[in-house]
Amino acid sequence: MKKKVLLAVVGPTAIGKTTLGIQLAKHFDTEILSADSRQFFKEMEIGTAVPSEEELAQVPHHFIQHKSIFEPYSVGDFVKEAMTVLDGLFQQKDTVVMVGGSGLYVDAVVQGLDEFPEVDPDIRTALNQKLKKNGLSSLQEELKLKDPTYYKIVDLENPHRLIRALEVCRASGQPFSSFLNRPKPKRPFKTLYVGLEAPREVIYERINQRVDLMMQAGLLEEAERLYPHKTLNALQTVGYKELFEYLDGHCTLEFAVSEIKKNTRRFAKRQLTWLRKNKDILWIPYNGETEKVLQIITDRLKTNLYA
């Protein structure tokens, strides 16, 4: 019996993961799981670069705009649902493709989640009050003091991740990172990580172009519709935060757009930092010829997974 294989397509934002994922799904006659934590939300379309209707029609996709920003949805919720979908797909398919820029969500599906101690809800409330009163930098400073290891790898612009780490630190008296990477249950499938790479200047240029296209497609109008709900966790996201600042009257539109580009470039840098820790990624050029790329991946599967 053939081993079941999950092809996890990873890489920095705007590098072409959606296109490669569709090519792989067609080649292996399978379906795609999205592991992009912001593409889950139906109200956020332009700013999260969800696949187009044409792209979605080419192969079946799962976890694209299936939740509302008003619903709580954690990485734990996603993993439970993703494993259920995978169990069903692997009954029919030998290979499934997962595409995502959210390293935490991809790794959680592949490796399982770490177990953390129970946290008193009052701790979370206190941290949210601290965020509201003293700003994101206050959480960053506390995390740097209590868990310098996790501080170096976490997305420092994501208040949800900072609060999650700090509530564990406060509740347990131990660093959040000390609970990471403990033995987890084995998955009933093998995984091949496929990473798209490009020179940094190419990544940055593609990001700048994507932001310009998003603005042309109506990102400002989308932000205006979401503005009344700007404090929701899902909207603490690059592309929206900067436009909310503009709508608050704190900056010009031109400055807000330049900040989106700058912060997206920083996000891409953090994505690459996360990915470089994974020595199992098969890196391929972002502009490689389709047939050649498919051959490289197929050969790797035969060598490493079907042996």
C-alpha atoms as a PDB file:
ATOM      1  CA  MET A   1       0.000   0.000   0.000  1.00  0.00           C
ATOM      2  CA  LYS A   2       1.293   3.429  -0.950  1.00  0.00           C
ATOM      3  CA  LYS A   3       2.174   5.842   1.797  1.00  0.00           C
ATOM      4  CA  LYS A   4      -0.138   8.818   2.125  1.00  0.00           C
ATOM      5  CA  VAL A   5       1.688  12.075   1.408  1.00  0.00           C
ATOM      6  CA  LEU A   6       0.970  15.678   2.311  1.00  0.00           C
ATOM      7  CA  LEU A   7       2.723  18.169   0.040  1.00  0.00           C
ATOM      8  CA  ALA A   8       3.145  21.367   2.075  1.00  0.00           C
ATOM      9  CA  VAL A   9       3.834  24.335  -0.207  1.00  0.00           C
ATOM     10  CA  VAL A  10       5.523  27.108   1.775  1.00  0.00           C
ATOM     11  CA  GLY A  11       7.418  30.331   1.173  1.00  0.00           C
ATOM     12  CA  PRO A  12       7.203  34.076   1.751  1.00  0.00           C
ATOM     13  CA  THR A  13       4.131  36.077   0.806  1.00  0.00           C
ATOM     14  CA  ALA A  14       3.561  36.981  -2.861  1.00  0.00           C
ATOM     15  CA  ILE A  15       6.036  34.400  -4.168  1.00  0.00           C
ATOM     16  CA  GLY A  16       3.524  32.223  -6.038  1.00  0.00           C
ATOM     17  CA  LYS A  17       2.425  29.490  -3.615  1.00  0.00           C
ATOM     18  CA  THR A  18      -1.172  29.516  -4.883  1.00  0.00           C
ATOM     19  CA  THR A  19      -0.087  28.876  -8.472  1.00  0.00           C
ATOM     20  CA  LEU A  20       2.271  26.038  -7.533  1.00  0.00           C
ATOM     21  CA  GLY A  21      -0.333  24.487  -5.254  1.00  0.00           C
ATOM     22  CA  ILE A  22      -2.857  24.359  -8.087  1.00  0.00           C
ATOM     23  CA  GLN A  23      -0.278  22.874 -10.455  1.00  0.00           C
ATOM     24  CA  LEU A  24       0.548  20.152  -7.932  1.00  0.00           C
ATOM     25  CA  ALA A  25      -3.105  19.408  -7.174  1.00  0.00           C
ATOM     26  CA  LYS A  26      -3.826  18.986 -10.882  1.00  0.00           C
ATOM     27  CA  HIS A  27      -0.738  16.819 -11.404  1.00  0.00           C
ATOM     28  CA  PHE A  28      -1.595  14.487  -8.506  1.00  0.00           C
ATOM     29  CA  ASP A  29      -5.377  14.662  -9.102  1.00  0.00           C
ATOM     30  CA  THR A  30      -6.058  15.874  -5.593  1.00  0.00           C
ATOM     31  CA  GLU A  31      -7.347  18.781  -3.489  1.00  0.00           C
ATOM     32  CA  ILE A  32      -5.885  21.748  -1.614  1.00  0.00           C
ATOM     33  CA  LEU A  33      -6.002  22.716   2.056  1.00  0.00           C
ATOM     34  CA  SER A  34      -5.288  26.370   2.731  1.00  0.00           C
ATOM     35  CA  ALA A  35      -3.213  27.038   5.839  1.00  0.00           C
ATOM     36  CA  ASP A  36      -3.222  30.821   5.568  1.00  0.00           C
ATOM     37  CA  SER A  37      -4.665  32.079   8.834  1.00  0.00           C
ATOM     38  CA  ARG A  38      -6.136  35.246   7.320  1.00  0.00           C
ATOM     39  CA  GLN A  39      -7.685  33.686   4.217  1.00  0.00           C
ATOM     40  CA  PHE A  40     -10.046  31.817   6.550  1.00  0.00           C
ATOM     41  CA  PHE A  41     -12.232  34.902   6.937  1.00  0.00           C
ATOM     42  CA  LYS A  42     -14.989  35.643   4.428  1.00  0.00           C
ATOM     43  CA  GLU A  43     -15.032  39.401   5.102  1.00  0.00           C
ATOM     44  CA  MET A  44     -11.311  39.739   4.245  1.00  0.00           C
ATOM     45  CA  GLU A  45     -10.819  39.077   0.552  1.00  0.00           C
ATOM     46  CA  ILE A  46      -8.678  41.657  -1.183  1.00  0.00           C
ATOM     47  CA  GLY A  47      -6.266  42.301   1.675  1.00  0.00           C
ATOM     48  CA  THR A  48      -5.510  38.622   2.217  1.00  0.00           C
ATOM     49  CA  ALA A  49      -4.952  37.786  -1.474  1.00  0.00           C
ATOM     50  CA  VAL A  50      -7.364  34.866  -1.495  1.00  0.00           C
ATOM     51  CA  PRO A  51      -7.235  32.784  -4.682  1.00  0.00           C
ATOM     52  CA  SER A  52      -9.394  34.195  -7.469  1.00  0.00           C
ATOM     53  CA  GLU A  53     -12.682  32.574  -8.505  1.00  0.00           C
ATOM     54  CA  GLU A  54     -10.878  31.233 -11.565  1.00  0.00           C
ATOM     55  CA  GLU A  55      -8.154  29.670  -9.399  1.00  0.00           C
ATOM     56  CA  LEU A  56     -10.660  28.204  -6.935  1.00  0.00           C
ATOM     57  CA  ALA A  57     -12.578  26.643  -9.828  1.00  0.00           C
ATOM     58  CA  GLN A  58      -9.525  24.732 -11.094  1.00  0.00           C
ATOM     59  CA  VAL A  59      -9.254  22.358  -8.115  1.00  0.00           C
ATOM     60  CA  PRO A  60     -11.258  21.910  -4.893  1.00  0.00           C
ATOM     61  CA  HIS A  61     -10.001  24.126  -2.030  1.00  0.00           C
ATOM     62  CA  HIS A  62     -10.686  23.802   1.696  1.00  0.00           C
ATOM     63  CA  PHE A  63     -10.460  26.482   4.429  1.00  0.00           C
ATOM     64  CA  ILE A  64     -10.834  29.494   2.145  1.00  0.00           C
ATOM     65  CA  GLN A  65     -13.209  32.120   3.597  1.00  0.00           C
ATOM     66  CA  HIS A  66     -15.075  29.520   5.629  1.00  0.00           C
ATOM     67  CA  LYS A  67     -15.244  31.576   8.844  1.00  0.00           C
ATOM     68  CA  SER A  68     -16.395  35.032   9.878  1.00  0.00           C
ATOM     69  CA  ILE A  69     -14.198  37.590  11.614  1.00  0.00           C
ATOM     70  CA  PHE A  70     -16.837  37.572  14.367  1.00  0.00           C
ATOM     71  CA  GLU A  71     -16.176  33.892  15.189  1.00  0.00           C
ATOM     72  CA  PRO A  72     -13.263  32.898  17.442  1.00  0.00           C
ATOM     73  CA  TYR A  73     -10.982  30.543  15.522  1.00  0.00           C
ATOM     74  CA  SER A  74      -7.687  29.305  16.898  1.00  0.00           C
ATOM     75  CA  VAL A  75      -4.854  27.232  15.484  1.00  0.00           C
ATOM     76  CA  GLY A  76      -6.184  24.373  17.607  1.00  0.00           C
ATOM     77  CA  ASP A  77      -9.611  24.676  15.966  1.00  0.00           C
ATOM     78  CA  PHE A  78      -7.982  24.679  12.544  1.00  0.00           C
ATOM     79  CA  VAL A  79      -5.868  21.593  13.227  1.00  0.00           C
ATOM     80  CA  LYS A  80      -8.888  19.578  14.411  1.00  0.00           C
ATOM     81  CA  GLU A  81     -10.865  20.501  11.281  1.00  0.00           C
ATOM     82  CA  ALA A  82      -7.879  20.032   8.973  1.00  0.00           C
ATOM     83  CA  MET A  83      -7.174  16.539  10.310  1.00  0.00           C
ATOM     84  CA  THR A  84     -10.819  15.559   9.760  1.00  0.00           C
ATOM     85  CA  VAL A  85     -10.662  16.786   6.153  1.00  0.00           C
ATOM     86  CA  LEU A  86      -7.325  15.035   5.588  1.00  0.00           C
ATOM     87  CA  ASP A  87      -8.659  11.760   6.982  1.00  0.00           C
ATOM     88  CA  GLY A  88     -11.485  11.914   4.459  1.00  0.00           C
ATOM     89  CA  LEU A  89      -9.294  12.901   1.523  1.00  0.00           C
ATOM     90  CA  PHE A  90      -6.669  10.248   2.232  1.00  0.00           C
ATOM     91  CA  GLN A  91      -9.377   7.585   1.928  1.00  0.00           C
ATOM     92  CA  GLN A  92      -9.629   8.571  -1.739  1.00  0.00           C
ATOM     93  CA  LYS A  93      -6.249  10.128  -2.549  1.00  0.00           C
ATOM     94  CA  ASP A  94      -2.633   9.124  -2.012  1.00  0.00           C
ATOM     95  CA  THR A  95      -1.497  12.764  -2.063  1.00  0.00           C
ATOM     96  CA  VAL A  96      -3.009  15.990  -0.701  1.00  0.00           C
ATOM     97  CA  VAL A  97      -1.612  19.512  -1.143  1.00  0.00           C
ATOM     98  CA  MET A  98      -1.497  22.099   1.643  1.00  0.00           C
ATOM     99  CA  VAL A  99      -0.651  25.709   0.797  1.00  0.00           C
ATOM    100  CA  GLY A 100       0.076  28.368   3.370  1.00  0.00           C
ATOM    101  CA  GLY A 101       2.118  31.322   4.455  1.00  0.00           C
ATOM    102  CA  SER A 102       1.309  30.810   8.134  1.00  0.00           C
ATOM    103  CA  GLY A 103       4.194  28.669   9.350  1.00  0.00           C
ATOM    104  CA  LEU A 104       2.595  27.983  12.712  1.00  0.00           C
ATOM    105  CA  TYR A 105      -0.554  26.592  11.086  1.00  0.00           C
ATOM    106  CA  VAL A 106       1.348  24.481   8.551  1.00  0.00           C
ATOM    107  CA  ASP A 107       3.633  22.995  11.193  1.00  0.00           C
ATOM    108  CA  ALA A 108       0.707  22.354  13.545  1.00  0.00           C
ATOM    109  CA  VAL A 109      -0.971  20.153  10.938  1.00  0.00           C
ATOM    110  CA  VAL A 110       2.261  18.359  10.045  1.00  0.00           C
ATOM    111  CA  GLN A 111       3.699  17.898  13.529  1.00  0.00           C
ATOM    112  CA  GLY A 112       0.782  18.299  15.927  1.00  0.00           C
ATOM    113  CA  LEU A 113       0.288  20.931  18.580  1.00  0.00           C
ATOM    114  CA  ASP A 114       2.213  21.426  21.785  1.00  0.00           C
ATOM    115  CA  GLU A 115       0.293  20.993  25.035  1.00  0.00           C
ATOM    116  CA  PHE A 116       0.131  23.979  27.355  1.00  0.00           C
ATOM    117  CA  PRO A 117      -1.070  24.449  30.934  1.00  0.00           C
ATOM    118  CA  GLU A 118      -4.534  25.748  31.739  1.00  0.00           C
ATOM    119  CA  VAL A 119      -4.698  29.539  31.912  1.00  0.00           C
ATOM    120  CA  ASP A 120      -6.938  31.553  34.218  1.00  0.00           C
ATOM    121  CA  PRO A 121      -9.189  33.754  31.996  1.00  0.00           C
ATOM    122  CA  ASP A 122      -8.362  36.697  34.275  1.00  0.00           C
ATOM    123  CA  ILE A 123      -4.764  36.567  33.009  1.00  0.00           C
ATOM    124  CA  ARG A 124      -5.912  36.932  29.415  1.00  0.00           C
ATOM    125  CA  THR A 125      -8.206  39.790  30.395  1.00  0.00           C
ATOM    126  CA  ALA A 126      -5.338  41.567  32.161  1.00  0.00           C
ATOM    127  CA  LEU A 127      -3.071  41.187  29.122  1.00  0.00           C
ATOM    128  CA  ASN A 128      -5.752  42.555  26.798  1.00  0.00           C
ATOM    129  CA  GLN A 129      -6.181  45.529  29.116  1.00  0.00           C
ATOM    130  CA  LYS A 130      -2.424  46.063  29.087  1.00  0.00           C
ATOM    131  CA  LEU A 131      -2.456  46.023  25.284  1.00  0.00           C
ATOM    132  CA  LYS A 132      -5.281  48.547  25.154  1.00  0.00           C
ATOM    133  CA  LYS A 133      -3.725  50.852  27.724  1.00  0.00           C
ATOM    134  CA  ASN A 134       0.002  50.638  26.926  1.00  0.00           C
ATOM    135  CA  GLY A 135       0.142  49.373  23.360  1.00  0.00           C
ATOM    136  CA  LEU A 136       1.807  46.479  21.581  1.00  0.00           C
ATOM    137  CA  SER A 137       5.307  47.486  22.676  1.00  0.00           C
ATOM    138  CA  SER A 138       4.431  46.763  26.316  1.00  0.00           C
ATOM    139  CA  LEU A 139       3.648  43.151  25.425  1.00  0.00           C
ATOM    140  CA  GLN A 140       6.806  42.881  23.337  1.00  0.00           C
ATOM    141  CA  GLU A 141       8.929  44.130  26.241  1.00  0.00           C
ATOM    142  CA  GLU A 142       7.349  41.703  28.722  1.00  0.00           C
ATOM    143  CA  LEU A 143       7.879  38.768  26.373  1.00  0.00           C
ATOM    144  CA  LYS A 144      11.494  39.752  25.739  1.00  0.00           C
ATOM    145  CA  LEU A 145      12.054  39.680  29.502  1.00  0.00           C
ATOM    146  CA  LYS A 146      10.140  36.463  30.262  1.00  0.00           C
ATOM    147  CA  ASP A 147      10.948  34.412  27.158  1.00  0.00           C
ATOM    148  CA  PRO A 148      13.802  35.791  25.016  1.00  0.00           C
ATOM    149  CA  THR A 149      13.903  32.541  23.029  1.00  0.00           C
ATOM    150  CA  TYR A 150      10.328  32.829  21.784  1.00  0.00           C
ATOM    151  CA  TYR A 151      10.727  36.582  21.387  1.00  0.00           C
ATOM    152  CA  LYS A 152      13.277  35.945  18.629  1.00  0.00           C
ATOM    153  CA  ILE A 153      10.924  33.838  16.495  1.00  0.00           C
ATOM    154  CA  VAL A 154       7.390  35.062  17.165  1.00  0.00           C
ATOM    155  CA  ASP A 155       5.589  37.560  14.915  1.00  0.00           C
ATOM    156  CA  LEU A 156       6.064  40.606  17.144  1.00  0.00           C
ATOM    157  CA  GLU A 157       3.329  42.505  15.312  1.00  0.00           C
ATOM    158  CA  ASN A 158       0.684  39.892  16.159  1.00  0.00           C
ATOM    159  CA  PRO A 159      -0.951  40.757  19.505  1.00  0.00           C
ATOM    160  CA  HIS A 160      -2.825  37.447  19.637  1.00  0.00           C
ATOM    161  CA  ARG A 161       0.429  35.457  19.528  1.00  0.00           C
ATOM    162  CA  LEU A 162       2.077  37.718  22.118  1.00  0.00           C
ATOM    163  CA  ILE A 163      -0.855  37.450  24.509  1.00  0.00           C
ATOM    164  CA  ARG A 164      -0.976  33.664  24.078  1.00  0.00           C
ATOM    165  CA  ALA A 165       2.713  33.352  24.961  1.00  0.00           C
ATOM    166  CA  LEU A 166       2.529  35.742  27.883  1.00  0.00           C
ATOM    167  CA  GLU A 167      -0.545  34.143  29.439  1.00  0.00           C
ATOM    168  CA  VAL A 168       1.306  30.819  29.518  1.00  0.00           C
ATOM    169  CA  CYS A 169       4.378  32.529  31.016  1.00  0.00           C
ATOM    170  CA  ARG A 170       2.280  34.179  33.713  1.00  0.00           C
ATOM    171  CA  ALA A 171       0.185  31.092  34.463  1.00  0.00           C
ATOM    172  CA  SER A 172       3.067  28.618  34.668  1.00  0.00           C
ATOM    173  CA  GLY A 173       5.979  30.775  35.751  1.00  0.00           C
ATOM    174  CA  GLN A 174       7.943  29.173  32.895  1.00  0.00           C
ATOM    175  CA  PRO A 175       8.885  30.409  29.425  1.00  0.00           C
ATOM    176  CA  PHE A 176       6.314  29.706  26.713  1.00  0.00           C
ATOM    177  CA  SER A 177       9.103  28.197  24.588  1.00  0.00           C
ATOM    178  CA  SER A 178       9.747  25.526  27.247  1.00  0.00           C
ATOM    179  CA  PHE A 179       6.442  23.896  26.265  1.00  0.00           C
ATOM    180  CA  LEU A 180       7.340  23.783  22.577  1.00  0.00           C
ATOM    181  CA  ASN A 181       8.757  20.847  20.639  1.00  0.00           C
ATOM    182  CA  ARG A 182       7.854  18.158  23.146  1.00  0.00           C
ATOM    183  CA  PRO A 183       7.057  14.684  21.731  1.00  0.00           C
ATOM    184  CA  LYS A 184       3.778  14.651  19.795  1.00  0.00           C
ATOM    185  CA  PRO A 185       1.623  11.883  18.313  1.00  0.00           C
ATOM    186  CA  LYS A 186       2.738  10.607  14.916  1.00  0.00           C
ATOM    187  CA  ARG A 187       0.702  11.572  11.871  1.00  0.00           C
ATOM    188  CA  PRO A 188      -0.731   8.857   9.597  1.00  0.00           C
ATOM    189  CA  PHE A 189       0.946  10.439   6.584  1.00  0.00           C
ATOM    190  CA  LYS A 190       4.362  11.536   5.371  1.00  0.00           C
ATOM    191  CA  THR A 191       5.053  15.177   4.565  1.00  0.00           C
ATOM    192  CA  LEU A 192       7.195  16.780   1.909  1.00  0.00           C
ATOM    193  CA  TYR A 193       7.747  20.496   2.421  1.00  0.00           C
ATOM    194  CA  VAL A 194       8.166  22.312  -0.914  1.00  0.00           C
ATOM    195  CA  GLY A 195       9.526  25.834  -0.498  1.00  0.00           C
ATOM    196  CA  LEU A 196       9.512  28.550  -3.144  1.00  0.00           C
ATOM    197  CA  GLU A 197      12.551  30.822  -3.046  1.00  0.00           C
ATOM    198  CA  ALA A 198      13.676  33.975  -4.816  1.00  0.00           C
ATOM    199  CA  PRO A 199      16.280  36.697  -4.288  1.00  0.00           C
ATOM    200  CA  ARG A 200      15.196  39.176  -1.624  1.00  0.00           C
ATOM    201  CA  GLU A 201      14.899  42.040  -4.108  1.00  0.00           C
ATOM    202  CA  VAL A 202      12.534  39.935  -6.234  1.00  0.00           C
ATOM    203  CA  ILE A 203      10.363  39.106  -3.216  1.00  0.00           C
ATOM    204  CA  TYR A 204      10.203  42.762  -2.227  1.00  0.00           C
ATOM    205  CA  GLU A 205       9.326  43.890  -5.748  1.00  0.00           C
ATOM    206  CA  ARG A 206       6.560  41.302  -5.984  1.00  0.00           C
ATOM    207  CA  ILE A 207       5.197  42.506  -2.635  1.00  0.00           C
ATOM    208  CA  ASN A 208       5.174  46.124  -3.781  1.00  0.00           C
ATOM    209  CA  GLN A 209       3.383  45.173  -6.988  1.00  0.00           C
ATOM    210  CA  ARG A 210       0.815  43.092  -5.115  1.00  0.00           C
ATOM    211  CA  VAL A 211      -0.016  45.961  -2.757  1.00  0.00           C
ATOM    212  CA  ASP A 212      -0.517  48.304  -5.719  1.00  0.00           C
ATOM    213  CA  LEU A 213      -2.841  45.744  -7.334  1.00  0.00           C
ATOM    214  CA  MET A 214      -4.759  45.343  -4.070  1.00  0.00           C
ATOM    215  CA  MET A 215      -5.324  49.087  -3.888  1.00  0.00           C
ATOM    216  CA  GLN A 216      -6.528  49.112  -7.496  1.00  0.00           C
ATOM    217  CA  ALA A 217      -8.864  46.203  -6.694  1.00  0.00           C
ATOM    218  CA  GLY A 218     -10.538  48.148  -3.867  1.00  0.00           C
ATOM    219  CA  LEU A 219      -8.597  47.425  -0.677  1.00  0.00           C
ATOM    220  CA  LEU A 220      -9.418  50.868   0.734  1.00  0.00           C
ATOM    221  CA  GLU A 221     -13.151  50.292   0.221  1.00  0.00           C
ATOM    222  CA  GLU A 222     -12.833  46.889   1.885  1.00  0.00           C
ATOM    223  CA  ALA A 223     -11.068  48.498   4.851  1.00  0.00           C
ATOM    224  CA  GLU A 224     -13.797  51.134   5.081  1.00  0.00           C
ATOM    225  CA  ARG A 225     -16.441  48.396   5.343  1.00  0.00           C
ATOM    226  CA  LEU A 226     -14.460  46.670   8.092  1.00  0.00           C
ATOM    227  CA  TYR A 227     -13.484  49.869   9.935  1.00  0.00           C
ATOM    228  CA  PRO A 228     -16.317  49.656  12.530  1.00  0.00           C
ATOM    229  CA  HIS A 229     -14.865  46.309  13.640  1.00  0.00           C
ATOM    230  CA  LYS A 230     -11.192  47.316  13.564  1.00  0.00           C
ATOM    231  CA  THR A 231     -10.484  46.055  17.113  1.00  0.00           C
ATOM    232  CA  LEU A 232     -11.268  42.424  16.236  1.00  0.00           C
ATOM    233  CA  ASN A 233      -8.275  40.097  16.385  1.00  0.00           C
ATOM    234  CA  ALA A 234      -8.665  38.965  12.768  1.00  0.00           C
ATOM    235  CA  LEU A 235      -8.234  42.553  11.598  1.00  0.00           C
ATOM    236  CA  GLN A 236      -4.925  43.105  13.400  1.00  0.00           C
ATOM    237  CA  THR A 237      -3.382  42.321  10.047  1.00  0.00           C
ATOM    238  CA  VAL A 238      -1.014  44.062   7.649  1.00  0.00           C
ATOM    239  CA  GLY A 239      -2.993  45.824   4.967  1.00  0.00           C
ATOM    240  CA  TYR A 240      -5.876  46.692   7.245  1.00  0.00           C
ATOM    241  CA  LYS A 241      -4.131  48.179  10.280  1.00  0.00           C
ATOM    242  CA  GLU A 242      -2.379  50.791   8.140  1.00  0.00           C
ATOM    243  CA  LEU A 243      -5.559  51.812   6.338  1.00  0.00           C
ATOM    244  CA  PHE A 244      -7.391  52.081   9.667  1.00  0.00           C
ATOM    245  CA  GLU A 245      -4.699  54.567  10.698  1.00  0.00           C
ATOM    246  CA  TYR A 246      -5.493  56.565   7.556  1.00  0.00           C
ATOM    247  CA  LEU A 247      -9.231  56.377   8.242  1.00  0.00           C
ATOM    248  CA  ASP A 248      -8.541  57.568  11.797  1.00  0.00           C
ATOM    249  CA  GLY A 249      -6.910  60.649  10.263  1.00  0.00           C
ATOM    250  CA  HIS A 250      -3.439  59.816  11.581  1.00  0.00           C
ATOM    251  CA  CYS A 251      -1.675  59.740   8.207  1.00  0.00           C
ATOM    252  CA  THR A 252      -2.109  60.276   4.483  1.00  0.00           C
ATOM    253  CA  LEU A 253      -3.275  57.512   2.164  1.00  0.00           C
ATOM    254  CA  GLU A 254       0.083  57.579   0.388  1.00  0.00           C
ATOM    255  CA  PHE A 255       1.891  57.017   3.698  1.00  0.00           C
ATOM    256  CA  ALA A 256      -0.515  54.218   4.676  1.00  0.00           C
ATOM    257  CA  VAL A 257       0.166  52.381   1.411  1.00  0.00           C
ATOM    258  CA  SER A 258       3.934  52.770   1.880  1.00  0.00           C
ATOM    259  CA  GLU A 259       3.535  51.330   5.393  1.00  0.00           C
ATOM    260  CA  ILE A 260       1.601  48.336   4.029  1.00  0.00           C
ATOM    261  CA  LYS A 261       4.490  47.629   1.669  1.00  0.00           C
ATOM    262  CA  LYS A 262       7.104  48.059   4.395  1.00  0.00           C
ATOM    263  CA  ASN A 263       5.251  45.919   6.931  1.00  0.00           C
ATOM    264  CA  THR A 264       4.537  43.214   4.352  1.00  0.00           C
ATOM    265  CA  ARG A 265       8.251  43.084   3.543  1.00  0.00           C
ATOM    266  CA  ARG A 266       8.960  42.697   7.261  1.00  0.00           C
ATOM    267  CA  PHE A 267       6.365  39.934   7.439  1.00  0.00           C
ATOM    268  CA  ALA A 268       8.055  38.120   4.537  1.00  0.00           C
ATOM    269  CA  LYS A 269      11.356  38.361   6.377  1.00  0.00           C
ATOM    270  CA  ARG A 270       9.788  36.777   9.483  1.00  0.00           C
ATOM    271  CA  GLN A 271       8.270  34.031   7.344  1.00  0.00           C
ATOM    272  CA  LEU A 272      11.706  33.201   5.932  1.00  0.00           C
ATOM    273  CA  THR A 273      13.230  33.195   9.428  1.00  0.00           C
ATOM    274  CA  TRP A 274      10.609  30.642  10.500  1.00  0.00           C
ATOM    275  CA  LEU A 275      11.106  28.482   7.401  1.00  0.00           C
ATOM    276  CA  ARG A 276      14.893  28.423   7.581  1.00  0.00           C
ATOM    277  CA  LYS A 277      14.636  26.498  10.854  1.00  0.00           C
ATOM    278  CA  ASN A 278      13.153  23.616   8.864  1.00  0.00           C
ATOM    279  CA  LYS A 279      15.981  21.631   7.283  1.00  0.00           C
ATOM    280  CA  ASP A 280      13.577  19.275   5.490  1.00  0.00           C
ATOM    281  CA  ILE A 281      12.270  21.821   2.980  1.00  0.00           C
ATOM    282  CA  LEU A 282      12.862  21.067  -0.694  1.00  0.00           C
ATOM    283  CA  TRP A 283      13.637  24.529  -2.057  1.00  0.00           C
ATOM    284  CA  ILE A 284      12.827  25.289  -5.688  1.00  0.00           C
ATOM    285  CA  PRO A 285      13.065  28.542  -7.680  1.00  0.00           C
ATOM    286  CA  TYR A 286       9.875  30.613  -7.786  1.00  0.00           C
ATOM    287  CA  ASN A 287      10.150  30.949 -11.575  1.00  0.00           C
ATOM    288  CA  GLY A 288      11.069  27.353 -12.392  1.00  0.00           C
ATOM    289  CA  GLU A 289       9.532  25.667 -15.437  1.00  0.00           C
ATOM    290  CA  THR A 290       6.418  23.761 -14.420  1.00  0.00           C
ATOM    291  CA  GLU A 291       7.429  20.407 -15.898  1.00  0.00           C
ATOM    292  CA  LYS A 292      10.894  20.613 -14.371  1.00  0.00           C
ATOM    293  CA  VAL A 293       9.500  21.542 -10.949  1.00  0.00           C
ATOM    294  CA  LEU A 294       6.977  18.692 -11.032  1.00  0.00           C
ATOM    295  CA  GLN A 295       9.757  16.270 -11.975  1.00  0.00           C
ATOM    296  CA  ILE A 296      11.955  17.421  -9.087  1.00  0.00           C
ATOM    297  CA  ILE A 297       9.103  16.950  -6.619  1.00  0.00           C
ATOM    298  CA  THR A 298       8.091  13.564  -8.051  1.00  0.00           C
ATOM    299  CA  ASP A 299      11.696  12.337  -7.882  1.00  0.00           C
ATOM    300  CA  ARG A 300      11.991  13.456  -4.271  1.00  0.00           C
ATOM    301  CA  LEU A 301       8.789  11.660  -3.383  1.00  0.00           C
ATOM    302  CA  LYS A 302      10.044   8.431  -4.917  1.00  0.00           C
ATOM    303  CA  THR A 303      13.404   8.726  -3.193  1.00  0.00           C
ATOM    304  CA  ASN A 304      12.379   9.795   0.276  1.00  0.00           C
ATOM    305  CA  LEU A 305       8.772   8.773   0.789  1.00  0.00           C
ATOM    306  CA  TYR A 306       7.978   5.729  -1.258  1.00  0.00           C
ATOM    307  CA  ALA A 307      11.218   3.882  -0.566  1.00  0.00           C
END
